Amino acid sequence: MNPITRRGALGAATAIATTPLAGRAQTRDNVIRIGVLADMSGPYRDTSGPTSVAAVQQAVEDLGMAQRGVTVEVLSGDHQNRPDAALALARRWIDTQGVDMICEVNNSAIALALANLVREKDKIQLASGAASSALTGPQCSTHTVQWTYDTWMFANVVGGATVRSGGDSWFFITADYAFGHQLERDTSQFVTRSGGRVMGSARYPFPGTTDFSSFLLQAQASRAKVVGLAMAAADMQNCVKQAHEFGLTRRGQQLAGMIMFVQDIRSIGLEAAQGMVMSEVFYHDLNDRTRALASRILRRTPENMPNQEHAGTYSCAIHYLKGVMEVGVPRAKASGIEVLNVMKRMPTEDDAFGPGRIREDGRKIHPAYLFEVKSPRESRGMWDFYKLRATVPAEQAFRPLNEGGCPLIRT
């Protein structure tokens, strides 16, 4: 298997073939191509990036596609967190390079735009990294599945629990793009539904903000009990560190990390992050299957532990390739919707999430978990960050089918 070169991974406008697993004996039309559209050079590189590519490669290997006589190529590209650049690359992948399925897409604005392109081209988008719940709501699509998590789920698990434990007044610091807006809206609904109040919000420019002092001062002035951080990755890390320096928690305000990854905890440090509560759908040390999967992927990217986003990318690639084998490679290349319909009929099963299914609105469901960050004394070493507080069953973790407003659902 060819390694991912740094130069190739950072190629903003170039899609690179990082496999093939079975040589070039088959014709071009008989090669299944998966495009991993990710942040390869920006603030989400560690939570997305090369480890997502490694996760897809691992899925191809685990299914033994070469031994089954199916050639699979994995391409990667940097979307630069820009919808225009992402769409140009995706269109070139489909029109000139024969890409059949695009996954990861860890930017909600890009995923929403890409949904129209794959529908037009009869290809598939498995949005394993995009979080906006609009993807399975008013903007749901026949050719897109939202795979790993969404803003409604994070708001459900974190927002509601915090209000019930006494954090009944909130102020939001929000990334000013689709993902942040949706996360703030969803969490606000859970706060108010549970009897809490939203005292206000501050939206910071994304990307490019490194100094959160003015936004933290607004949060402090609001006197809200909880400061909800509707952001992720490097922004989350910087904001939490600066909040610690400001002494927000010492003054009685609680930080709510609405979407966090193990990479965030590693960067922030257990001393500052201990006691934080967050929701995730995957943790590498959750059970024997997750430990085995993390170990296999970690061999490819030894400096970066697979997180829930990487696990979702692995999971969606596994199920897609099962669908391809069910319909056959020629038909899979001819019709994306035929593969996707088969995928929706088949139950999902993999080492990342165990059993699950894809709903009619394009929402893939599986359990979600509430974790608490360990103290430095409790941690056994590198990447040992979480202790499990609660498990939310799949049917309760995600928004009910009849509440999303997806036009594909018959009322």
Protein backbone atom coordinates (compact mmCIF):
# COMPACT_ATOMS: atom_id res chain seq x y z
CA MET A 1 0.00 0.00 0.00
CA ASN A 2 1.46 3.36 -0.99
CA PRO A 3 2.03 5.81 1.90
CA ILE A 4 0.46 9.26 2.01
CA THR A 5 3.15 11.78 1.30
CA ARG A 6 3.02 15.12 3.10
CA ARG A 7 3.23 16.98 -0.17
CA GLY A 8 0.36 14.96 -1.61
CA ALA A 9 -1.77 15.30 1.51
CA LEU A 10 -1.37 19.06 1.46
CA GLY A 11 -2.16 19.45 -2.23
CA ALA A 12 -5.06 21.86 -2.08
CA ALA A 13 -6.29 21.37 -5.62
CA THR A 14 -4.98 17.90 -6.37
CA ALA A 15 -6.62 14.54 -5.85
CA ILE A 16 -4.08 11.77 -5.34
CA ALA A 17 -4.53 8.03 -5.67
CA THR A 18 -3.22 6.57 -2.44
CA THR A 19 -4.08 2.93 -3.20
CA PRO A 20 -4.65 0.73 -5.66
CA LEU A 21 -4.97 -2.51 -3.82
CA ALA A 22 -5.20 -4.91 -6.75
CA GLY A 23 -3.01 -3.53 -9.48
CA ARG A 24 -4.23 -2.23 -12.83
CA ALA A 25 -5.44 -5.44 -14.42
CA GLN A 26 -9.03 -4.27 -14.57
CA THR A 27 -10.22 -1.60 -16.96
CA ARG A 28 -10.65 1.95 -15.72
CA ASP A 29 -14.44 1.54 -15.70
CA ASN A 30 -14.15 -1.41 -13.29
CA VAL A 31 -12.24 0.48 -10.60
CA ILE A 32 -14.17 1.75 -7.58
CA ARG A 33 -12.86 5.16 -6.55
CA ILE A 34 -13.47 6.76 -3.17
CA GLY A 35 -12.61 10.44 -2.67
CA VAL A 36 -11.75 11.55 0.87
CA LEU A 37 -12.49 15.28 0.93
CA ALA A 38 -10.97 16.61 4.14
CA ASP A 39 -9.09 19.40 5.87
CA MET A 40 -5.49 18.50 5.12
CA SER A 41 -3.79 21.77 6.07
CA GLY A 42 -6.15 23.84 8.22
CA PRO A 43 -7.48 23.88 11.79
CA TYR A 44 -9.12 20.44 11.51
CA ARG A 45 -6.16 18.56 10.06
CA ASP A 46 -5.67 16.32 13.10
CA THR A 47 -9.35 15.60 13.68
CA SER A 48 -9.84 15.00 9.95
CA GLY A 49 -7.00 14.93 7.44
CA PRO A 50 -4.62 12.04 6.74
CA THR A 51 -6.08 9.84 9.48
CA SER A 52 -9.41 9.86 7.63
CA VAL A 53 -7.60 8.68 4.52
CA ALA A 54 -5.96 5.95 6.59
CA ALA A 55 -9.38 4.93 7.93
CA VAL A 56 -10.72 4.37 4.40
CA GLN A 57 -7.62 2.45 3.42
CA GLN A 58 -8.10 0.27 6.48
CA ALA A 59 -11.73 -0.39 5.53
CA VAL A 60 -10.64 -1.55 2.07
CA GLU A 61 -8.05 -3.84 3.62
CA ASP A 62 -10.37 -5.21 6.31
CA LEU A 63 -12.95 -6.22 3.72
CA GLY A 64 -10.29 -7.90 1.58
CA MET A 65 -11.40 -6.13 -1.58
CA ALA A 66 -8.29 -7.15 -3.54
CA GLN A 67 -8.82 -10.80 -2.64
CA ARG A 68 -12.43 -10.46 -3.80
CA GLY A 69 -11.22 -9.26 -7.20
CA VAL A 70 -12.33 -5.65 -6.74
CA THR A 71 -9.87 -2.84 -7.35
CA VAL A 72 -10.40 0.16 -5.08
CA GLU A 73 -8.56 3.45 -5.30
CA VAL A 74 -8.62 5.96 -2.46
CA LEU A 75 -8.07 9.58 -3.48
CA SER A 76 -7.61 12.49 -1.09
CA GLY A 77 -8.05 16.23 -1.46
CA ASP A 78 -7.89 19.35 0.70
CA HIS A 79 -11.13 21.35 0.67
CA GLN A 80 -9.41 24.31 2.42
CA ASN A 81 -12.70 24.94 4.29
CA ARG A 82 -13.91 26.72 1.12
CA PRO A 83 -17.09 25.52 -0.63
CA ASP A 84 -15.93 26.88 -4.00
CA ALA A 85 -12.61 25.03 -3.87
CA ALA A 86 -14.30 21.87 -2.59
CA LEU A 87 -16.94 21.86 -5.33
CA ALA A 88 -14.36 22.46 -8.06
CA LEU A 89 -12.29 19.54 -6.81
CA ALA A 90 -15.28 17.24 -6.37
CA ARG A 91 -16.58 18.04 -9.86
CA ARG A 92 -13.17 17.27 -11.35
CA TRP A 93 -13.00 14.01 -9.39
CA ILE A 94 -16.37 12.92 -10.76
CA ASP A 95 -16.06 14.24 -14.32
CA THR A 96 -12.46 13.31 -15.14
CA GLN A 97 -11.25 10.81 -12.55
CA GLY A 98 -14.22 8.51 -12.15
CA VAL A 99 -14.82 8.99 -8.41
CA ASP A 100 -17.94 7.10 -7.29
CA MET A 101 -18.28 8.08 -3.63
CA ILE A 102 -17.07 11.10 -1.65
CA CYS A 103 -16.73 10.87 2.11
CA GLU A 104 -15.49 12.72 5.19
CA VAL A 105 -16.40 16.31 4.12
CA ASN A 106 -15.83 17.75 7.59
CA ASN A 107 -17.39 21.12 6.83
CA SER A 108 -21.16 21.55 6.92
CA ALA A 109 -21.33 24.33 4.32
CA ILE A 110 -19.33 22.17 1.91
CA ALA A 111 -21.45 19.08 2.59
CA LEU A 112 -24.65 21.01 1.95
CA ALA A 113 -23.29 22.33 -1.35
CA LEU A 114 -21.88 18.95 -2.36
CA ALA A 115 -25.27 17.29 -1.82
CA ASN A 116 -26.56 19.05 -4.93
CA LEU A 117 -23.58 18.02 -7.04
CA VAL A 118 -23.71 14.30 -6.18
CA ARG A 119 -27.46 14.24 -6.77
CA GLU A 120 -26.96 15.85 -10.18
CA LYS A 121 -24.20 13.35 -11.08
CA ASP A 122 -25.88 10.30 -9.47
CA LYS A 123 -22.93 9.77 -7.14
CA ILE A 124 -22.85 9.34 -3.36
CA GLN A 125 -21.80 11.58 -0.47
CA LEU A 126 -21.27 9.93 2.91
CA ALA A 127 -20.73 12.95 5.13
CA SER A 128 -18.85 11.39 8.02
CA GLY A 129 -17.43 14.68 9.31
CA ALA A 130 -20.12 17.28 8.63
CA ALA A 131 -22.25 18.04 11.69
CA SER A 132 -25.12 20.35 10.67
CA SER A 133 -28.43 18.60 11.34
CA ALA A 134 -29.86 20.44 8.32
CA LEU A 135 -28.33 17.63 6.24
CA THR A 136 -31.11 15.32 7.41
CA GLY A 137 -33.65 18.10 7.90
CA PRO A 138 -34.97 20.60 5.35
CA GLN A 139 -31.90 20.08 3.13
CA CYS A 140 -31.86 16.28 3.16
CA SER A 141 -30.96 14.65 -0.14
CA THR A 142 -31.50 11.36 -1.94
CA HIS A 143 -27.76 10.90 -2.54
CA THR A 144 -26.30 11.99 0.83
CA VAL A 145 -26.03 10.16 4.15
CA GLN A 146 -24.94 11.94 7.33
CA TRP A 147 -22.94 9.23 9.00
CA THR A 148 -21.29 9.95 12.32
CA TYR A 149 -22.92 12.66 14.44
CA ASP A 150 -24.85 15.88 14.11
CA THR A 151 -25.54 19.07 15.99
CA TRP A 152 -28.92 17.83 17.23
CA MET A 153 -27.29 14.79 18.83
CA PHE A 154 -24.57 16.82 20.56
CA ALA A 155 -27.14 19.33 21.78
CA ASN A 156 -29.42 16.55 22.96
CA VAL A 157 -26.78 14.71 24.97
CA VAL A 158 -24.79 17.67 26.35
CA GLY A 159 -27.25 20.57 26.46
CA GLY A 160 -30.15 18.80 28.11
CA ALA A 161 -27.99 17.06 30.71
CA THR A 162 -26.26 20.30 31.73
CA VAL A 163 -29.53 22.15 32.31
CA ARG A 164 -30.90 19.26 34.34
CA SER A 165 -27.82 19.41 36.58
CA GLY A 166 -28.33 23.13 37.32
CA GLY A 167 -26.68 24.94 34.40
CA ASP A 168 -29.87 26.75 33.42
CA SER A 169 -28.47 29.97 31.90
CA TRP A 170 -26.28 29.92 28.79
CA PHE A 171 -24.13 32.20 26.66
CA PHE A 172 -22.72 30.91 23.36
CA ILE A 173 -19.42 31.62 21.63
CA THR A 174 -20.07 30.45 18.09
CA ALA A 175 -18.08 29.84 14.92
CA ASP A 176 -19.63 32.08 12.25
CA TYR A 177 -20.51 29.46 9.62
CA ALA A 178 -23.18 26.80 9.04
CA PHE A 179 -21.86 24.26 11.54
CA GLY A 180 -21.58 26.75 14.40
CA HIS A 181 -24.95 28.38 13.71
CA GLN A 182 -26.73 25.01 13.64
CA LEU A 183 -25.03 23.81 16.82
CA GLU A 184 -26.04 26.98 18.65
CA ARG A 185 -29.65 26.74 17.40
CA ASP A 186 -30.01 23.08 18.34
CA THR A 187 -28.49 23.51 21.78
CA SER A 188 -30.56 26.60 22.47
CA GLN A 189 -33.71 24.59 21.80
CA PHE A 190 -32.69 21.94 24.32
CA VAL A 191 -31.74 24.56 26.89
CA THR A 192 -35.09 26.35 26.65
CA ARG A 193 -37.07 23.10 26.34
CA SER A 194 -35.47 21.92 29.58
CA GLY A 195 -36.38 25.14 31.39
CA GLY A 196 -33.16 27.12 30.87
CA ARG A 197 -32.47 30.53 29.35
CA VAL A 198 -30.09 31.75 26.62
CA MET A 199 -28.55 35.04 27.72
CA GLY A 200 -26.88 35.86 24.40
CA SER A 201 -24.17 34.84 21.98
CA ALA A 202 -21.03 36.12 20.26
CA ARG A 203 -19.99 34.94 16.79
CA TYR A 204 -16.34 34.95 15.83
CA PRO A 205 -14.95 34.95 12.25
CA PHE A 206 -14.09 31.50 10.91
CA PRO A 207 -11.43 30.58 9.97
CA GLY A 208 -8.65 32.79 11.27
CA THR A 209 -9.58 33.71 14.84
CA THR A 210 -6.90 32.96 17.45
CA ASP A 211 -7.66 35.59 20.10
CA PHE A 212 -10.95 34.86 21.90
CA SER A 213 -10.51 37.44 24.66
CA SER A 214 -13.25 39.82 23.52
CA PHE A 215 -15.75 36.97 23.15
CA LEU A 216 -14.84 35.55 26.56
CA LEU A 217 -15.30 39.00 28.11
CA GLN A 218 -18.81 39.13 26.63
CA ALA A 219 -19.53 35.69 28.06
CA GLN A 220 -18.23 36.78 31.45
CA ALA A 221 -20.33 39.95 31.40
CA SER A 222 -23.47 37.92 30.64
CA ARG A 223 -23.14 36.15 34.00
CA ALA A 224 -24.52 33.01 32.42
CA LYS A 225 -23.82 29.85 34.39
CA VAL A 226 -22.72 27.96 31.27
CA VAL A 227 -20.63 29.14 28.32
CA GLY A 228 -21.46 26.92 25.36
CA LEU A 229 -18.64 26.60 22.84
CA ALA A 230 -20.21 26.05 19.42
CA MET A 231 -16.92 25.36 17.69
CA ALA A 232 -14.41 22.55 17.23
CA ALA A 233 -10.75 21.55 16.84
CA ALA A 234 -8.08 24.29 17.13
CA ASP A 235 -10.68 26.96 17.87
CA MET A 236 -12.03 24.90 20.77
CA GLN A 237 -8.53 24.30 22.10
CA ASN A 238 -7.54 27.96 21.97
CA CYS A 239 -10.78 29.14 23.51
CA VAL A 240 -10.66 26.68 26.42
CA LYS A 241 -7.02 27.52 27.16
CA GLN A 242 -7.77 31.24 27.12
CA ALA A 243 -10.89 30.74 29.26
CA HIS A 244 -8.68 28.95 31.79
CA GLU A 245 -6.26 31.88 31.76
CA PHE A 246 -9.17 34.29 32.24
CA GLY A 247 -10.31 32.24 35.22
CA LEU A 248 -13.88 31.80 33.98
CA THR A 249 -14.33 28.48 35.77
CA ARG A 250 -12.77 29.84 38.96
CA ARG A 251 -15.43 32.55 38.91
CA GLY A 252 -18.17 29.96 38.72
CA GLN A 253 -18.92 29.73 34.99
CA GLN A 254 -18.88 26.29 33.41
CA LEU A 255 -17.55 25.60 29.91
CA ALA A 256 -19.61 23.24 27.77
CA GLY A 257 -17.61 21.75 24.92
CA MET A 258 -20.38 21.00 22.48
CA ILE A 259 -18.23 18.98 20.09
CA MET A 260 -14.83 17.72 21.16
CA PHE A 261 -12.31 15.09 20.17
CA VAL A 262 -9.47 13.31 21.94
CA GLN A 263 -7.08 15.56 19.97
CA ASP A 264 -8.63 18.57 21.71
CA ILE A 265 -8.06 17.08 25.16
CA ARG A 266 -4.47 16.22 24.31
CA SER A 267 -3.81 19.79 23.21
CA ILE A 268 -5.62 21.42 26.13
CA GLY A 269 -4.14 19.06 28.73
CA LEU A 270 -5.89 17.12 31.47
CA GLU A 271 -5.08 19.72 34.09
CA ALA A 272 -7.24 22.31 32.32
CA ALA A 273 -9.80 19.93 30.78
CA GLN A 274 -10.50 17.60 33.73
CA GLY A 275 -14.16 17.34 34.68
CA MET A 276 -15.43 18.58 31.31
CA VAL A 277 -18.36 16.62 29.94
CA MET A 278 -18.93 16.02 26.25
CA SER A 279 -20.68 13.61 23.92
CA GLU A 280 -18.98 11.32 21.42
CA VAL A 281 -20.14 8.32 19.40
CA PHE A 282 -16.77 6.54 19.45
CA TYR A 283 -13.88 6.24 21.87
CA HIS A 284 -10.86 4.11 21.11
CA ASP A 285 -10.85 2.53 24.58
CA LEU A 286 -14.60 1.87 24.75
CA ASN A 287 -14.54 -1.91 24.15
CA ASP A 288 -12.51 -4.69 22.56
CA ARG A 289 -13.71 -3.92 19.02
CA THR A 290 -12.91 -0.20 19.22
CA ARG A 291 -9.49 -0.95 20.70
CA ALA A 292 -8.69 -3.37 17.88
CA LEU A 293 -9.87 -0.93 15.19
CA ALA A 294 -7.93 1.98 16.66
CA SER A 295 -4.81 -0.18 16.79
CA ARG A 296 -5.09 -1.08 13.10
CA ILE A 297 -5.58 2.50 11.94
CA LEU A 298 -2.93 3.80 14.33
CA ARG A 299 -0.29 1.74 12.51
CA ARG A 300 -0.81 4.04 9.51
CA THR A 301 -0.81 7.33 11.44
CA PRO A 302 1.07 6.54 14.66
CA GLU A 303 1.14 10.13 15.93
CA ASN A 304 -2.64 10.60 15.79
CA MET A 305 -5.18 8.44 17.64
CA PRO A 306 -8.33 7.72 15.59
CA ASN A 307 -11.29 9.71 16.89
CA GLN A 308 -15.05 9.56 16.29
CA GLU A 309 -14.76 11.32 12.92
CA HIS A 310 -12.12 8.90 11.69
CA ALA A 311 -14.21 6.01 12.99
CA GLY A 312 -17.21 7.33 11.05
CA THR A 313 -15.15 7.53 7.88
CA TYR A 314 -14.06 3.92 8.36
CA SER A 315 -17.64 2.84 9.05
CA CYS A 316 -19.16 4.54 6.00
CA ALA A 317 -16.46 3.13 3.70
CA ILE A 318 -17.10 -0.39 5.05
CA HIS A 319 -20.83 -0.17 4.42
CA TYR A 320 -20.43 1.46 1.01
CA LEU A 321 -18.11 -1.30 -0.16
CA LYS A 322 -20.57 -3.91 1.11
CA GLY A 323 -23.20 -2.21 -1.04
CA VAL A 324 -20.87 -2.24 -4.04
CA MET A 325 -20.31 -5.97 -3.65
CA GLU A 326 -24.06 -6.53 -3.34
CA VAL A 327 -24.93 -4.83 -6.65
CA GLY A 328 -21.65 -5.54 -8.50
CA VAL A 329 -18.99 -3.10 -9.66
CA PRO A 330 -20.43 -2.23 -13.13
CA ARG A 331 -23.87 -1.38 -11.72
CA ALA A 332 -22.31 0.45 -8.77
CA LYS A 333 -20.39 2.71 -11.14
CA ALA A 334 -23.42 3.25 -13.33
CA SER A 335 -25.81 4.25 -10.56
CA GLY A 336 -24.99 5.74 -7.18
CA ILE A 337 -28.63 5.71 -6.08
CA GLU A 338 -28.85 1.95 -6.66
CA VAL A 339 -25.95 1.37 -4.27
CA LEU A 340 -27.37 3.78 -1.74
CA ASN A 341 -30.78 2.12 -1.80
CA VAL A 342 -29.12 -1.21 -1.08
CA MET A 343 -27.11 0.38 1.74
CA LYS A 344 -30.32 1.67 3.31
CA ARG A 345 -31.91 -1.77 3.18
CA MET A 346 -28.88 -3.50 4.72
CA PRO A 347 -28.24 -3.12 8.47
CA THR A 348 -24.84 -1.63 9.28
CA GLU A 349 -22.26 -3.56 11.31
CA ASP A 350 -18.63 -2.67 11.97
CA ASP A 351 -15.95 -2.38 14.65
CA ALA A 352 -16.46 1.36 15.04
CA PHE A 353 -20.13 1.46 16.07
CA GLY A 354 -21.39 -2.11 16.11
CA PRO A 355 -24.92 -2.56 14.70
CA GLY A 356 -26.91 0.32 13.22
CA ARG A 357 -28.98 1.41 10.25
CA ILE A 358 -29.58 4.23 7.76
CA ARG A 359 -32.93 5.97 8.05
CA GLU A 360 -35.05 7.27 5.19
CA ASP A 361 -33.91 10.86 5.82
CA GLY A 362 -30.26 9.87 5.34
CA ARG A 363 -29.40 9.79 9.05
CA LYS A 364 -27.19 6.84 10.04
CA ILE A 365 -27.91 5.97 13.66
CA HIS A 366 -25.94 4.25 16.43
CA PRO A 367 -25.51 4.82 20.19
CA ALA A 368 -24.00 8.01 21.62
CA TYR A 369 -22.04 8.35 24.83
CA LEU A 370 -21.59 10.95 27.53
CA PHE A 371 -17.98 11.09 28.72
CA GLU A 372 -16.19 12.95 31.48
CA VAL A 373 -12.55 13.94 31.13
CA LYS A 374 -10.30 12.21 33.64
CA SER A 375 -8.01 14.01 36.03
CA PRO A 376 -4.24 13.66 35.50
CA ARG A 377 -4.15 11.26 38.45
CA GLU A 378 -6.80 8.98 36.90
CA SER A 379 -5.17 8.79 33.46
CA ARG A 380 -3.01 5.75 32.74
CA GLY A 381 -1.04 7.43 29.98
CA MET A 382 -1.17 8.96 26.52
CA TRP A 383 -4.69 9.14 25.03
CA ASP A 384 -6.33 7.75 28.21
CA PHE A 385 -8.71 10.68 28.66
CA TYR A 386 -12.32 9.62 29.22
CA LYS A 387 -14.53 7.79 31.65
CA LEU A 388 -18.01 6.77 30.54
CA ARG A 389 -20.89 8.56 32.26
CA ALA A 390 -23.88 7.36 30.21
CA THR A 391 -24.90 5.51 27.06
CA VAL A 392 -27.77 6.86 24.94
CA PRO A 393 -29.41 4.21 22.70
CA ALA A 394 -29.38 4.84 18.97
CA GLU A 395 -33.11 5.51 18.68
CA GLN A 396 -32.90 8.16 21.43
CA ALA A 397 -29.60 9.77 20.51
CA PHE A 398 -30.68 11.32 17.20
CA ARG A 399 -33.58 13.56 16.21
CA PRO A 400 -36.85 11.69 15.68
CA LEU A 401 -37.60 11.04 12.03
CA ASN A 402 -40.82 13.05 12.05
CA GLU A 403 -39.25 16.18 13.58
CA GLY A 404 -36.57 17.03 11.04
CA GLY A 405 -38.68 18.39 8.22
CA CYS A 406 -36.95 16.26 5.58
CA PRO A 407 -39.05 16.46 2.37
CA LEU A 408 -38.17 12.83 1.56
CA ILE A 409 -40.31 11.65 4.47
CA ARG A 410 -43.95 11.02 3.64
CA THR A 411 -46.24 12.53 6.28
